[in-house]
């Protein structure tokens, strides 16, 4: 499968994937990158710029909130948490994804 096709598929899924992870546990950017890679068994390998751009968009839209937390003497990390608006948006997107997935399964499984 060509990389451009995969990129096109990911365009509409990156933000719901981020929201899904953040809904489970507040996370910082690099942690999100590693979690996506781990959970996808290496399939999703996002760059920092992709993830941080998406997180900034989500924050501007009021779907996530970021806070700086001290993690070591001279180190802070920006953690992202889901807002109530983000939870509602994620619920809607998950419903859309489930309907989409079911429709694709019906087509692929039919003979």
C-alpha atoms as a PDB file:
ATOM      1  CA  UNK A   1       0.000   0.000   0.000  1.00  0.00           C
ATOM      2  CA  UNK A   2       1.430   3.364  -0.928  1.00  0.00           C
ATOM      3  CA  UNK A   3       2.460   5.812   1.768  1.00  0.00           C
ATOM      4  CA  UNK A   4       0.237   8.532   0.277  1.00  0.00           C
ATOM      5  CA  UNK A   5      -2.809   6.266   0.620  1.00  0.00           C
ATOM      6  CA  UNK A   6      -1.964   5.505   4.237  1.00  0.00           C
ATOM      7  CA  UNK A   7      -1.427   9.212   4.929  1.00  0.00           C
ATOM      8  CA  UNK A   8      -4.852   9.943   3.467  1.00  0.00           C
ATOM      9  CA  UNK A   9      -6.457   7.291   5.677  1.00  0.00           C
ATOM     10  CA  UNK A  10      -4.731   8.695   8.764  1.00  0.00           C
ATOM     11  CA  UNK A  11      -5.772  12.277   8.065  1.00  0.00           C
ATOM     12  CA  UNK A  12      -9.242  11.698   9.475  1.00  0.00           C
ATOM     13  CA  UNK A  13      -8.198   9.421  12.305  1.00  0.00           C
ATOM     14  CA  UNK A  14      -5.245  11.068  14.050  1.00  0.00           C
ATOM     15  CA  UNK A  15      -7.299  13.406  16.218  1.00  0.00           C
ATOM     16  CA  UNK A  16      -9.797  10.753  17.402  1.00  0.00           C
ATOM     17  CA  UNK A  17      -6.862   8.434  18.158  1.00  0.00           C
ATOM     18  CA  UNK A  18      -5.248  11.136  20.294  1.00  0.00           C
ATOM     19  CA  UNK A  19      -8.516  11.851  22.083  1.00  0.00           C
ATOM     20  CA  UNK A  20      -9.038   8.151  22.718  1.00  0.00           C
ATOM     21  CA  UNK A  21      -5.641   7.785  24.395  1.00  0.00           C
ATOM     22  CA  UNK A  22      -5.929  11.006  26.390  1.00  0.00           C
ATOM     23  CA  UNK A  23      -9.408  10.015  27.596  1.00  0.00           C
ATOM     24  CA  UNK A  24      -7.885   6.984  29.302  1.00  0.00           C
ATOM     25  CA  UNK A  25      -5.014   8.807  30.963  1.00  0.00           C
ATOM     26  CA  UNK A  26      -3.557  12.319  30.783  1.00  0.00           C
ATOM     27  CA  UNK A  27      -0.410  12.085  28.663  1.00  0.00           C
ATOM     28  CA  UNK A  28       2.408  14.198  27.299  1.00  0.00           C
ATOM     29  CA  UNK A  29       3.279  14.334  23.597  1.00  0.00           C
ATOM     30  CA  UNK A  30       6.197  11.912  23.442  1.00  0.00           C
ATOM     31  CA  UNK A  31       4.267   9.455  25.591  1.00  0.00           C
ATOM     32  CA  UNK A  32       1.392   9.628  23.093  1.00  0.00           C
ATOM     33  CA  UNK A  33       3.752   8.943  20.186  1.00  0.00           C
ATOM     34  CA  UNK A  34       5.180   5.878  21.939  1.00  0.00           C
ATOM     35  CA  UNK A  35       1.748   4.639  23.016  1.00  0.00           C
ATOM     36  CA  UNK A  36       0.393   4.840  19.458  1.00  0.00           C
ATOM     37  CA  UNK A  37       3.424   2.976  18.156  1.00  0.00           C
ATOM     38  CA  UNK A  38       3.190   0.322  20.873  1.00  0.00           C
ATOM     39  CA  UNK A  39      -0.542  -0.278  20.600  1.00  0.00           C
ATOM     40  CA  UNK A  40      -0.349  -0.520  16.801  1.00  0.00           C
ATOM     41  CA  UNK A  41       2.603  -2.943  16.995  1.00  0.00           C
ATOM     42  CA  UNK A  42       4.781  -0.432  15.177  1.00  0.00           C
ATOM     43  CA  UNK A  43       2.333   0.437  12.403  1.00  0.00           C
ATOM     44  CA  UNK A  44       1.764   4.022  13.564  1.00  0.00           C
ATOM     45  CA  UNK A  45       5.042   5.925  13.697  1.00  0.00           C
ATOM     46  CA  UNK A  46       4.093   9.569  13.954  1.00  0.00           C
ATOM     47  CA  UNK A  47       6.564  12.406  14.053  1.00  0.00           C
ATOM     48  CA  UNK A  48       6.560  14.877  16.890  1.00  0.00           C
ATOM     49  CA  UNK A  49       5.458  17.659  14.558  1.00  0.00           C
ATOM     50  CA  UNK A  50       2.396  15.655  13.461  1.00  0.00           C
ATOM     51  CA  UNK A  51       1.335  14.888  17.030  1.00  0.00           C
ATOM     52  CA  UNK A  52       2.054  18.339  18.445  1.00  0.00           C
ATOM     53  CA  UNK A  53       0.241  20.065  15.561  1.00  0.00           C
ATOM     54  CA  UNK A  54      -2.800  17.884  16.163  1.00  0.00           C
ATOM     55  CA  UNK A  55      -2.649  18.512  19.922  1.00  0.00           C
ATOM     56  CA  UNK A  56      -2.535  22.278  19.347  1.00  0.00           C
ATOM     57  CA  UNK A  57      -5.580  22.034  17.042  1.00  0.00           C
ATOM     58  CA  UNK A  58      -7.444  19.995  19.645  1.00  0.00           C
ATOM     59  CA  UNK A  59      -6.566  22.542  22.311  1.00  0.00           C
ATOM     60  CA  UNK A  60      -7.691  25.490  20.148  1.00  0.00           C
ATOM     61  CA  UNK A  61     -10.996  23.680  19.564  1.00  0.00           C
ATOM     62  CA  UNK A  62     -11.461  23.227  23.315  1.00  0.00           C
ATOM     63  CA  UNK A  63     -11.293  19.434  23.145  1.00  0.00           C
ATOM     64  CA  UNK A  64      -8.165  19.078  25.280  1.00  0.00           C
ATOM     65  CA  UNK A  65      -6.558  21.141  27.985  1.00  0.00           C
ATOM     66  CA  UNK A  66      -2.816  21.233  28.581  1.00  0.00           C
ATOM     67  CA  UNK A  67      -0.964  21.890  31.815  1.00  0.00           C
ATOM     68  CA  UNK A  68       2.720  21.965  32.606  1.00  0.00           C
ATOM     69  CA  UNK A  69       3.844  19.544  35.291  1.00  0.00           C
ATOM     70  CA  UNK A  70       7.213  19.379  37.001  1.00  0.00           C
ATOM     71  CA  UNK A  71       8.660  15.882  36.514  1.00  0.00           C
ATOM     72  CA  UNK A  72      12.271  16.415  37.609  1.00  0.00           C
ATOM     73  CA  UNK A  73      14.297  19.192  39.141  1.00  0.00           C
ATOM     74  CA  UNK A  74      14.752  21.100  35.873  1.00  0.00           C
ATOM     75  CA  UNK A  75      12.226  19.333  33.666  1.00  0.00           C
ATOM     76  CA  UNK A  76       8.585  20.062  32.909  1.00  0.00           C
ATOM     77  CA  UNK A  77       6.191  18.230  30.618  1.00  0.00           C
ATOM     78  CA  UNK A  78       2.986  19.440  29.062  1.00  0.00           C
ATOM     79  CA  UNK A  79       0.245  16.965  29.893  1.00  0.00           C
ATOM     80  CA  UNK A  80      -2.989  16.846  27.922  1.00  0.00           C
ATOM     81  CA  UNK A  81      -6.385  15.993  29.384  1.00  0.00           C
ATOM     82  CA  UNK A  82      -9.768  15.705  27.746  1.00  0.00           C
ATOM     83  CA  UNK A  83     -12.385  18.387  28.339  1.00  0.00           C
ATOM     84  CA  UNK A  84     -16.083  17.613  28.560  1.00  0.00           C
ATOM     85  CA  UNK A  85     -16.445  18.944  25.011  1.00  0.00           C
ATOM     86  CA  UNK A  86     -13.659  16.538  24.014  1.00  0.00           C
ATOM     87  CA  UNK A  87     -15.478  13.596  25.604  1.00  0.00           C
ATOM     88  CA  UNK A  88     -18.649  14.396  23.677  1.00  0.00           C
ATOM     89  CA  UNK A  89     -16.711  14.826  20.440  1.00  0.00           C
ATOM     90  CA  UNK A  90     -14.866  11.535  20.997  1.00  0.00           C
ATOM     91  CA  UNK A  91     -18.151   9.714  21.637  1.00  0.00           C
ATOM     92  CA  UNK A  92     -19.522  11.035  18.361  1.00  0.00           C
ATOM     93  CA  UNK A  93     -16.372  10.104  16.429  1.00  0.00           C
ATOM     94  CA  UNK A  94     -16.246   6.617  17.942  1.00  0.00           C
ATOM     95  CA  UNK A  95     -19.855   6.051  16.863  1.00  0.00           C
ATOM     96  CA  UNK A  96     -19.002   7.212  13.343  1.00  0.00           C
ATOM     97  CA  UNK A  97     -15.940   4.959  13.275  1.00  0.00           C
ATOM     98  CA  UNK A  98     -17.937   1.915  14.459  1.00  0.00           C
ATOM     99  CA  UNK A  99     -20.570   2.459  11.743  1.00  0.00           C
ATOM    100  CA  UNK A 100     -17.844   2.940   9.112  1.00  0.00           C
ATOM    101  CA  UNK A 101     -15.967  -0.152  10.267  1.00  0.00           C
ATOM    102  CA  UNK A 102     -19.169  -2.238  10.256  1.00  0.00           C
ATOM    103  CA  UNK A 103     -20.020  -1.098   6.716  1.00  0.00           C
ATOM    104  CA  UNK A 104     -16.536  -1.971   5.449  1.00  0.00           C
ATOM    105  CA  UNK A 105     -16.719  -5.372   7.173  1.00  0.00           C
ATOM    106  CA  UNK A 106     -20.047  -6.134   5.481  1.00  0.00           C
ATOM    107  CA  UNK A 107     -18.609  -5.298   2.061  1.00  0.00           C
ATOM    108  CA  UNK A 108     -15.363  -7.189   2.564  1.00  0.00           C
ATOM    109  CA  UNK A 109     -17.079 -10.229   4.105  1.00  0.00           C
ATOM    110  CA  UNK A 110     -19.799 -10.545   1.454  1.00  0.00           C
ATOM    111  CA  UNK A 111     -19.326 -13.055  -1.334  1.00  0.00           C
END
